[in-house]
Amino acid sequence: MLNPKVKECAVVGLPDEERGQAVSAFIVLSEGNTASPELAKELQDFVKREIAPYKYPRRVEFVSALPRTATGKLQRYRLRENPE
C-alpha cells in the first residue's frame, strides 16, 4: 500500500530524546509532487489511517534517491548514519 504521491520510501528508527527511537521515513516523491510540510503531514495521516495511528513516522524527510548497493539492495545503515 503506497500513496500515489510516493515513488518509494524507507523507514528506520533514529535516536530520539523523548522516545529513545523515533520512526523516521525517507521518501522519494513521484514525479510532479513537491516536498512540503503539508505533504509530510498528509503522508503521516495516510499511514495513521491505513496501518495504525501509533505506527506513523514521527519524522519525514524527502530525498531525491535512497542509498543502494550496486545490486540494488537498500542501505538502511546509511540512512541511520546521516539522518539530516
N, C-alpha and C. Protein backbone atom coordinates (compact mmCIF):
# COMPACT_ATOMS: atom_id res chain seq x y z
N MET A 1 0.85 -1.16 0.00
CA MET A 1 0.00 0.00 0.00
C MET A 1 0.89 1.22 0.00
N LEU A 2 0.92 1.90 -1.11
CA LEU A 2 1.75 3.08 -1.26
C LEU A 2 0.86 4.24 -1.69
N ASN A 3 1.09 5.36 -1.10
CA ASN A 3 0.38 6.56 -1.51
C ASN A 3 0.82 6.90 -2.93
N PRO A 4 -0.08 7.32 -3.80
CA PRO A 4 0.30 7.62 -5.19
C PRO A 4 1.33 8.74 -5.32
N LYS A 5 1.48 9.57 -4.30
CA LYS A 5 2.47 10.65 -4.34
C LYS A 5 3.87 10.15 -4.00
N VAL A 6 3.99 8.91 -3.55
CA VAL A 6 5.27 8.35 -3.12
C VAL A 6 5.76 7.34 -4.15
N LYS A 7 6.97 7.57 -4.64
CA LYS A 7 7.60 6.63 -5.58
C LYS A 7 8.18 5.45 -4.80
N GLU A 8 8.95 5.75 -3.75
CA GLU A 8 9.48 4.72 -2.86
C GLU A 8 9.84 5.35 -1.53
N CYS A 9 9.97 4.50 -0.52
CA CYS A 9 10.34 5.02 0.80
C CYS A 9 11.07 3.94 1.59
N ALA A 10 11.76 4.42 2.62
CA ALA A 10 12.43 3.53 3.56
C ALA A 10 12.16 4.06 4.95
N VAL A 11 12.00 3.15 5.89
CA VAL A 11 11.70 3.54 7.26
C VAL A 11 12.75 2.93 8.18
N VAL A 12 13.31 3.78 9.05
CA VAL A 12 14.31 3.33 10.03
C VAL A 12 14.01 3.99 11.36
N GLY A 13 14.57 3.43 12.41
CA GLY A 13 14.50 4.05 13.73
C GLY A 13 15.72 4.92 13.94
N LEU A 14 15.49 6.16 14.37
CA LEU A 14 16.59 7.08 14.65
C LEU A 14 16.50 7.53 16.11
N PRO A 15 17.65 7.84 16.72
CA PRO A 15 17.64 8.26 18.12
C PRO A 15 16.71 9.46 18.35
N ASP A 16 16.00 9.41 19.47
CA ASP A 16 15.07 10.47 19.83
C ASP A 16 15.12 10.64 21.34
N GLU A 17 15.33 11.86 21.80
CA GLU A 17 15.45 12.12 23.24
C GLU A 17 14.20 11.73 24.01
N GLU A 18 13.03 12.00 23.44
CA GLU A 18 11.77 11.75 24.14
C GLU A 18 11.38 10.27 24.16
N ARG A 19 11.58 9.57 23.03
CA ARG A 19 11.09 8.19 22.89
C ARG A 19 12.19 7.13 22.88
N GLY A 20 13.45 7.54 22.83
CA GLY A 20 14.53 6.59 22.69
C GLY A 20 14.85 6.38 21.21
N GLN A 21 13.84 6.01 20.44
CA GLN A 21 13.94 5.92 18.99
C GLN A 21 12.65 6.43 18.38
N ALA A 22 12.78 7.07 17.23
CA ALA A 22 11.60 7.56 16.52
C ALA A 22 11.55 6.93 15.13
N VAL A 23 10.36 6.53 14.72
CA VAL A 23 10.18 6.00 13.37
C VAL A 23 10.38 7.17 12.40
N SER A 24 11.30 6.97 11.47
CA SER A 24 11.66 8.03 10.52
C SER A 24 11.53 7.50 9.10
N ALA A 25 10.81 8.25 8.26
CA ALA A 25 10.58 7.84 6.88
C ALA A 25 11.39 8.72 5.94
N PHE A 26 12.09 8.08 5.02
CA PHE A 26 12.82 8.77 3.96
C PHE A 26 12.04 8.50 2.68
N ILE A 27 11.55 9.56 2.06
CA ILE A 27 10.58 9.42 0.97
C ILE A 27 11.10 10.03 -0.33
N VAL A 28 11.00 9.24 -1.40
CA VAL A 28 11.24 9.73 -2.75
C VAL A 28 9.86 9.95 -3.36
N LEU A 29 9.59 11.17 -3.76
CA LEU A 29 8.27 11.50 -4.29
C LEU A 29 8.12 11.10 -5.76
N SER A 30 6.90 10.81 -6.15
CA SER A 30 6.58 10.55 -7.55
C SER A 30 6.76 11.85 -8.33
N GLU A 31 6.98 11.70 -9.62
CA GLU A 31 7.17 12.87 -10.46
C GLU A 31 5.96 13.79 -10.38
N GLY A 32 6.24 15.10 -10.33
CA GLY A 32 5.17 16.08 -10.29
C GLY A 32 4.74 16.49 -8.89
N ASN A 33 5.33 15.89 -7.86
CA ASN A 33 5.00 16.25 -6.48
C ASN A 33 6.16 17.01 -5.85
N THR A 34 5.83 17.95 -4.98
CA THR A 34 6.83 18.79 -4.35
C THR A 34 6.80 18.59 -2.84
N ALA A 35 7.97 18.46 -2.26
CA ALA A 35 8.09 18.29 -0.81
C ALA A 35 7.63 19.56 -0.09
N SER A 36 6.89 19.35 0.99
CA SER A 36 6.44 20.47 1.81
C SER A 36 6.01 19.93 3.17
N PRO A 37 5.95 20.80 4.18
CA PRO A 37 5.45 20.34 5.48
C PRO A 37 4.02 19.83 5.40
N GLU A 38 3.22 20.42 4.52
CA GLU A 38 1.83 19.99 4.36
C GLU A 38 1.77 18.57 3.79
N LEU A 39 2.64 18.27 2.83
CA LEU A 39 2.67 16.93 2.26
C LEU A 39 3.16 15.91 3.29
N ALA A 40 4.15 16.30 4.09
CA ALA A 40 4.63 15.40 5.15
C ALA A 40 3.47 15.05 6.10
N LYS A 41 2.69 16.03 6.49
CA LYS A 41 1.55 15.81 7.39
C LYS A 41 0.50 14.93 6.70
N GLU A 42 0.25 15.18 5.42
CA GLU A 42 -0.71 14.37 4.66
C GLU A 42 -0.27 12.90 4.63
N LEU A 43 1.02 12.65 4.42
CA LEU A 43 1.52 11.28 4.37
C LEU A 43 1.48 10.63 5.75
N GLN A 44 1.76 11.38 6.81
CA GLN A 44 1.65 10.85 8.17
C GLN A 44 0.20 10.44 8.45
N ASP A 45 -0.74 11.29 8.06
CA ASP A 45 -2.15 10.98 8.26
C ASP A 45 -2.57 9.75 7.45
N PHE A 46 -2.03 9.60 6.24
CA PHE A 46 -2.30 8.44 5.40
C PHE A 46 -1.88 7.16 6.13
N VAL A 47 -0.69 7.17 6.72
CA VAL A 47 -0.21 5.99 7.44
C VAL A 47 -1.09 5.71 8.66
N LYS A 48 -1.49 6.75 9.36
CA LYS A 48 -2.36 6.57 10.52
C LYS A 48 -3.67 5.87 10.12
N ARG A 49 -4.23 6.25 8.98
CA ARG A 49 -5.49 5.64 8.51
C ARG A 49 -5.29 4.22 8.00
N GLU A 50 -4.21 3.99 7.26
CA GLU A 50 -4.02 2.71 6.57
C GLU A 50 -3.42 1.62 7.45
N ILE A 51 -2.55 1.98 8.37
CA ILE A 51 -1.87 0.95 9.18
C ILE A 51 -2.39 1.00 10.61
N ALA A 52 -1.90 1.99 11.37
CA ALA A 52 -2.34 2.17 12.75
C ALA A 52 -1.80 3.52 13.23
N PRO A 53 -2.58 4.23 14.03
CA PRO A 53 -2.14 5.56 14.47
C PRO A 53 -0.79 5.57 15.19
N TYR A 54 -0.48 4.53 15.95
CA TYR A 54 0.77 4.56 16.71
C TYR A 54 1.98 4.19 15.86
N LYS A 55 1.78 3.73 14.63
CA LYS A 55 2.89 3.30 13.78
C LYS A 55 3.36 4.38 12.79
N TYR A 56 2.76 5.55 12.80
CA TYR A 56 3.12 6.56 11.81
C TYR A 56 4.52 7.11 12.06
N PRO A 57 5.22 7.54 10.99
CA PRO A 57 6.57 8.07 11.16
C PRO A 57 6.54 9.44 11.83
N ARG A 58 7.29 9.57 12.90
CA ARG A 58 7.35 10.85 13.62
C ARG A 58 8.17 11.87 12.85
N ARG A 59 9.11 11.38 12.06
CA ARG A 59 9.96 12.25 11.24
C ARG A 59 9.80 11.84 9.79
N VAL A 60 9.70 12.84 8.92
CA VAL A 60 9.60 12.59 7.48
C VAL A 60 10.66 13.44 6.80
N GLU A 61 11.47 12.79 5.98
CA GLU A 61 12.48 13.52 5.21
C GLU A 61 12.32 13.14 3.75
N PHE A 62 12.25 14.16 2.90
CA PHE A 62 12.15 13.92 1.47
C PHE A 62 13.55 13.88 0.88
N VAL A 63 13.82 12.85 0.09
CA VAL A 63 15.14 12.69 -0.53
C VAL A 63 14.96 12.46 -2.03
N SER A 64 16.02 12.73 -2.79
CA SER A 64 15.93 12.54 -4.24
C SER A 64 16.11 11.07 -4.62
N ALA A 65 16.85 10.32 -3.79
CA ALA A 65 17.07 8.89 -4.05
C ALA A 65 17.45 8.21 -2.74
N LEU A 66 17.16 6.92 -2.65
CA LEU A 66 17.55 6.14 -1.49
C LEU A 66 18.90 5.49 -1.76
N PRO A 67 19.75 5.38 -0.74
CA PRO A 67 21.06 4.76 -0.94
C PRO A 67 20.92 3.26 -1.20
N ARG A 68 21.60 2.79 -2.24
CA ARG A 68 21.51 1.37 -2.62
C ARG A 68 22.90 0.83 -2.96
N THR A 69 23.03 -0.48 -2.86
CA THR A 69 24.26 -1.15 -3.27
C THR A 69 24.26 -1.27 -4.79
N ALA A 70 25.35 -1.77 -5.35
CA ALA A 70 25.45 -1.96 -6.80
C ALA A 70 24.39 -2.95 -7.31
N THR A 71 23.94 -3.85 -6.44
CA THR A 71 22.92 -4.82 -6.83
C THR A 71 21.50 -4.34 -6.54
N GLY A 72 21.37 -3.13 -5.99
CA GLY A 72 20.05 -2.55 -5.77
C GLY A 72 19.48 -2.72 -4.37
N LYS A 73 20.24 -3.33 -3.47
CA LYS A 73 19.73 -3.53 -2.10
C LYS A 73 19.79 -2.21 -1.33
N LEU A 74 18.73 -1.91 -0.60
CA LEU A 74 18.65 -0.69 0.19
C LEU A 74 19.69 -0.71 1.32
N GLN A 75 20.39 0.41 1.50
CA GLN A 75 21.40 0.53 2.55
C GLN A 75 20.82 1.35 3.71
N ARG A 76 20.07 0.71 4.58
CA ARG A 76 19.44 1.40 5.71
C ARG A 76 20.47 2.01 6.65
N TYR A 77 21.62 1.34 6.78
CA TYR A 77 22.64 1.87 7.69
C TYR A 77 23.09 3.27 7.28
N ARG A 78 23.08 3.56 5.97
CA ARG A 78 23.46 4.90 5.52
C ARG A 78 22.40 5.93 5.90
N LEU A 79 21.16 5.55 5.96
CA LEU A 79 20.10 6.45 6.41
C LEU A 79 20.28 6.74 7.90
N ARG A 80 20.68 5.74 8.67
CA ARG A 80 20.89 5.93 10.11
C ARG A 80 22.12 6.79 10.38
N GLU A 81 23.14 6.72 9.51
CA GLU A 81 24.37 7.50 9.70
C GLU A 81 24.13 8.97 9.43
N ASN A 82 23.31 9.29 8.44
CA ASN A 82 23.11 10.67 8.01
C ASN A 82 21.65 11.06 8.07
N PRO A 83 21.07 11.17 9.26
CA PRO A 83 19.63 11.43 9.34
C PRO A 83 19.21 12.83 8.87
N GLU A 84 20.11 13.76 8.79
CA GLU A 84 19.73 15.12 8.40
C GLU A 84 20.12 15.40 6.97
